[in-house]
Amino acid sequence: SVLDRLREVEVVFLGQVSSPSADEALVPDATAALAASTSRAEKQAERLASAATLAAQLGKHDDAVQLLTEALANRGVPRELEARLLVLRGALHHFAGRVEAAELDWTTVWNCEDAPAEYRAKAMISRGSSWGQRGEAEKALVDFGAVVAMEDAPAEQRAQALFNRAVTWGQRGNEEQELADYDALLAMAEAPSEQRAQAMVNRGITWGR
């Protein structure tokens, strides 16, 4: 199957996942044993995530989702990796038309308060964009606003949320709020230059209406 071939590629490029040795199984220190188990779980999840990325690049989105699901089933996967895998699986679900499954993954990340701010913000931006595509502008505005309000959100994600919210305001005919969000984005010195440039263009278009 495609999945089996992907696993073969995974082994060639990333190495065979090793099973615990007899010595590891007899580690007397519980803390060391837990650390070793967590490390193995993380490495296994990373290998599966790499295989999933390859599958997605090959257009095998269902196989990629299966690999990510298997990776997430590993006990001891660090929170940061878990959040990254959920955001990615949500995107693959959405691409395949499984919108509710996608939004469930993104919601899970958002509700996990100890997940890294970067992934919580990405999850909420993705969910907001999904709402917008479904014509649920009010829900999209709430999600984008949640990222804007995050004090620990990375500048790139906060700028993206401001931009998306501005576009949504514009689609609803609220030019005042639209311009306010573009202004806020342009006031962010740390915002990526491409986002600032696009905001400047859009603001000019809005002014010219």
Protein backbone atom coordinates (compact mmCIF):
# COMPACT_ATOMS: atom_id res chain seq x y z
CA SER A 1 0.00 0.00 0.00
CA VAL A 2 1.01 3.65 -0.21
CA LEU A 3 1.27 3.71 3.56
CA ASP A 4 3.70 0.79 3.57
CA ARG A 5 5.83 2.45 0.88
CA LEU A 6 5.92 5.65 2.90
CA ARG A 7 7.10 3.72 5.93
CA GLU A 8 9.88 2.17 3.83
CA VAL A 9 10.96 5.64 2.68
CA GLU A 10 10.81 6.79 6.30
CA VAL A 11 13.21 4.03 7.35
CA VAL A 12 15.63 4.77 4.50
CA PHE A 13 15.85 8.50 5.24
CA LEU A 14 15.26 8.60 8.99
CA GLY A 15 16.41 5.23 10.25
CA GLN A 16 14.62 2.27 11.78
CA VAL A 17 12.75 2.91 15.00
CA SER A 18 14.58 0.86 17.61
CA SER A 19 12.85 -1.08 20.34
CA PRO A 20 13.97 -0.74 23.96
CA SER A 21 17.07 -2.76 24.77
CA ALA A 22 17.28 -5.15 27.70
CA ASP A 23 19.42 -2.62 29.58
CA GLU A 24 16.85 0.13 29.06
CA ALA A 25 14.11 -2.17 30.30
CA LEU A 26 16.00 -2.69 33.57
CA VAL A 27 16.73 0.97 34.34
CA PRO A 28 16.25 1.23 38.11
CA ASP A 29 15.75 5.00 38.17
CA ALA A 30 12.06 5.72 37.48
CA THR A 31 12.86 9.26 36.37
CA ALA A 32 15.46 8.04 33.89
CA ALA A 33 13.07 5.39 32.60
CA LEU A 34 10.35 7.98 32.08
CA ALA A 35 12.77 10.30 30.28
CA ALA A 36 13.91 7.46 28.01
CA SER A 37 10.32 6.53 27.23
CA THR A 38 9.41 10.14 26.46
CA SER A 39 12.44 10.49 24.21
CA ARG A 40 11.48 7.36 22.27
CA ALA A 41 7.89 8.57 21.93
CA GLU A 42 9.06 11.94 20.66
CA LYS A 43 11.44 10.41 18.11
CA GLN A 44 8.75 8.03 16.90
CA ALA A 45 6.27 10.89 16.55
CA GLU A 46 8.82 13.01 14.68
CA ARG A 47 9.49 10.14 12.25
CA LEU A 48 5.81 9.67 11.61
CA ALA A 49 5.37 13.43 11.17
CA SER A 50 8.14 13.46 8.57
CA ALA A 51 6.49 10.58 6.74
CA ALA A 52 3.17 12.43 6.92
CA THR A 53 4.75 15.52 5.39
CA LEU A 54 6.10 13.38 2.56
CA ALA A 55 2.67 11.81 2.04
CA ALA A 56 1.05 15.25 1.90
CA GLN A 57 3.60 16.42 -0.67
CA LEU A 58 2.71 13.37 -2.76
CA GLY A 59 -0.96 14.31 -2.55
CA LYS A 60 -1.78 11.35 -0.28
CA HIS A 61 -3.68 13.38 2.29
CA ASP A 62 -5.57 10.48 3.85
CA ASP A 63 -2.31 8.60 4.40
CA ALA A 64 -0.79 11.74 5.90
CA VAL A 65 -3.72 12.06 8.31
CA GLN A 66 -3.34 8.40 9.31
CA LEU A 67 0.37 8.87 10.03
CA LEU A 68 -0.28 12.00 12.08
CA THR A 69 -3.01 10.21 14.02
CA GLU A 70 -0.57 7.40 14.78
CA ALA A 71 2.04 9.96 15.87
CA LEU A 72 -0.44 11.65 18.19
CA ALA A 73 -1.31 8.29 19.76
CA ASN A 74 2.22 8.01 21.16
CA ARG A 75 2.16 8.57 24.91
CA GLY A 76 4.76 11.05 26.09
CA VAL A 77 4.69 13.27 23.00
CA PRO A 78 5.75 16.78 24.12
CA ARG A 79 3.01 19.39 24.13
CA GLU A 80 4.74 21.53 21.51
CA LEU A 81 4.99 18.62 19.07
CA GLU A 82 1.42 17.54 19.80
CA ALA A 83 0.13 21.03 19.03
CA ARG A 84 2.13 21.21 15.79
CA LEU A 85 0.80 17.84 14.63
CA LEU A 86 -2.79 18.79 15.44
CA VAL A 87 -2.53 22.06 13.50
CA LEU A 88 -1.12 20.16 10.53
CA ARG A 89 -3.71 17.40 10.72
CA GLY A 90 -6.43 20.02 10.88
CA ALA A 91 -5.12 21.62 7.69
CA LEU A 92 -5.08 18.23 5.93
CA HIS A 93 -8.62 17.47 7.10
CA HIS A 94 -9.74 20.84 5.78
CA PHE A 95 -8.01 20.31 2.45
CA ALA A 96 -9.83 16.98 2.11
CA GLY A 97 -13.18 18.63 2.83
CA ARG A 98 -13.54 17.30 6.39
CA VAL A 99 -14.22 20.73 7.83
CA GLU A 100 -15.68 19.63 11.15
CA ALA A 101 -12.71 17.33 11.84
CA ALA A 102 -10.35 20.18 10.96
CA GLU A 103 -12.07 22.61 13.29
CA LEU A 104 -12.04 20.01 16.08
CA ASP A 105 -8.24 19.68 15.83
CA TRP A 106 -7.76 23.45 15.83
CA THR A 107 -10.15 23.87 18.75
CA THR A 108 -8.24 21.23 20.71
CA VAL A 109 -5.02 23.18 20.29
CA TRP A 110 -6.65 26.49 21.23
CA ASN A 111 -8.16 25.01 24.39
CA CYS A 112 -4.80 23.63 25.49
CA GLU A 113 -3.52 26.58 27.50
CA ASP A 114 -0.05 25.10 27.98
CA ALA A 115 0.49 24.66 24.24
CA PRO A 116 2.96 27.12 22.68
CA ALA A 117 1.37 30.47 21.80
CA GLU A 118 2.54 30.13 18.19
CA TYR A 119 0.46 27.01 17.59
CA ARG A 120 -2.56 28.25 19.54
CA ALA A 121 -2.53 31.36 17.35
CA LYS A 122 -2.10 29.35 14.15
CA ALA A 123 -4.99 27.10 15.16
CA MET A 124 -7.29 30.03 15.79
CA ILE A 125 -6.33 31.79 12.55
CA SER A 126 -6.98 28.56 10.65
CA ARG A 127 -10.34 28.07 12.33
CA GLY A 128 -11.30 31.69 11.71
CA SER A 129 -10.41 31.36 8.03
CA SER A 130 -12.51 28.20 7.87
CA TRP A 131 -15.47 30.03 9.40
CA GLY A 132 -15.02 32.81 6.87
CA GLN A 133 -15.04 30.40 3.95
CA ARG A 134 -18.31 28.99 5.25
CA GLY A 135 -19.91 32.44 5.43
CA GLU A 136 -19.73 32.58 9.24
CA ALA A 137 -18.20 36.05 9.42
CA GLU A 138 -19.14 36.72 13.05
CA LYS A 139 -17.38 33.56 14.23
CA ALA A 140 -14.37 34.39 12.05
CA LEU A 141 -14.13 37.85 13.64
CA VAL A 142 -14.22 36.29 17.12
CA ASP A 143 -11.39 33.88 16.29
CA PHE A 144 -9.18 36.52 14.68
CA GLY A 145 -9.91 38.83 17.59
CA ALA A 146 -8.81 36.17 20.05
CA VAL A 147 -5.37 36.07 18.43
CA VAL A 148 -5.12 39.87 18.32
CA ALA A 149 -5.84 39.90 22.07
CA MET A 150 -3.11 37.32 22.86
CA GLU A 151 -0.30 39.10 24.66
CA ASP A 152 2.12 36.27 23.89
CA ALA A 153 1.18 35.73 20.24
CA PRO A 154 4.17 35.95 17.88
CA ALA A 155 4.18 39.10 15.76
CA GLU A 156 3.66 37.17 12.53
CA GLN A 157 0.49 35.48 13.76
CA ARG A 158 -0.87 38.64 15.37
CA ALA A 159 -0.29 40.56 12.14
CA GLN A 160 -1.99 37.81 10.14
CA ALA A 161 -4.99 37.90 12.48
CA LEU A 162 -5.25 41.68 12.11
CA PHE A 163 -5.05 41.39 8.34
CA ASN A 164 -7.66 38.63 8.16
CA ARG A 165 -9.97 40.51 10.50
CA ALA A 166 -9.59 43.68 8.41
CA VAL A 167 -10.54 41.77 5.27
CA THR A 168 -13.54 40.27 7.04
CA TRP A 169 -14.66 43.71 8.24
CA GLY A 170 -14.34 44.95 4.67
CA GLN A 171 -16.46 42.09 3.36
CA ARG A 172 -19.14 43.13 5.83
CA GLY A 173 -18.97 46.75 4.68
CA ASN A 174 -17.50 48.08 7.93
CA GLU A 175 -14.76 50.30 6.52
CA GLU A 176 -14.05 52.01 9.85
CA GLN A 177 -13.12 48.77 11.58
CA GLU A 178 -11.33 47.55 8.46
CA LEU A 179 -9.10 50.63 8.34
CA ALA A 180 -8.50 50.46 12.10
CA ASP A 181 -7.09 46.94 11.76
CA TYR A 182 -4.87 47.90 8.82
CA ASP A 183 -3.61 50.87 10.84
CA ALA A 184 -2.89 48.62 13.82
CA LEU A 185 -0.96 46.20 11.62
CA LEU A 186 1.06 48.99 10.02
CA ALA A 187 1.90 50.29 13.49
CA MET A 188 3.57 46.98 14.34
CA ALA A 189 7.25 47.52 13.63
CA GLU A 190 7.91 43.81 14.14
CA ALA A 191 5.27 42.68 11.62
CA PRO A 192 6.65 40.88 8.53
CA SER A 193 7.30 43.27 5.64
CA GLU A 194 5.02 41.36 3.25
CA GLN A 195 2.07 41.66 5.58
CA ARG A 196 2.74 45.36 6.10
CA ALA A 197 2.96 45.91 2.35
CA GLN A 198 -0.29 44.07 1.67
CA ALA A 199 -2.02 46.01 4.44
CA MET A 200 -0.80 49.27 2.88
CA VAL A 201 -2.16 48.23 -0.52
CA ASN A 202 -5.52 47.19 0.91
CA ARG A 203 -5.81 50.36 2.97
CA GLY A 204 -5.18 52.42 -0.15
CA ILE A 205 -7.87 50.51 -2.02
CA THR A 206 -10.33 51.08 0.82
CA TRP A 207 -9.56 54.79 0.93
CA GLY A 208 -10.15 54.98 -2.81
CA ARG A 209 -13.66 53.53 -2.73
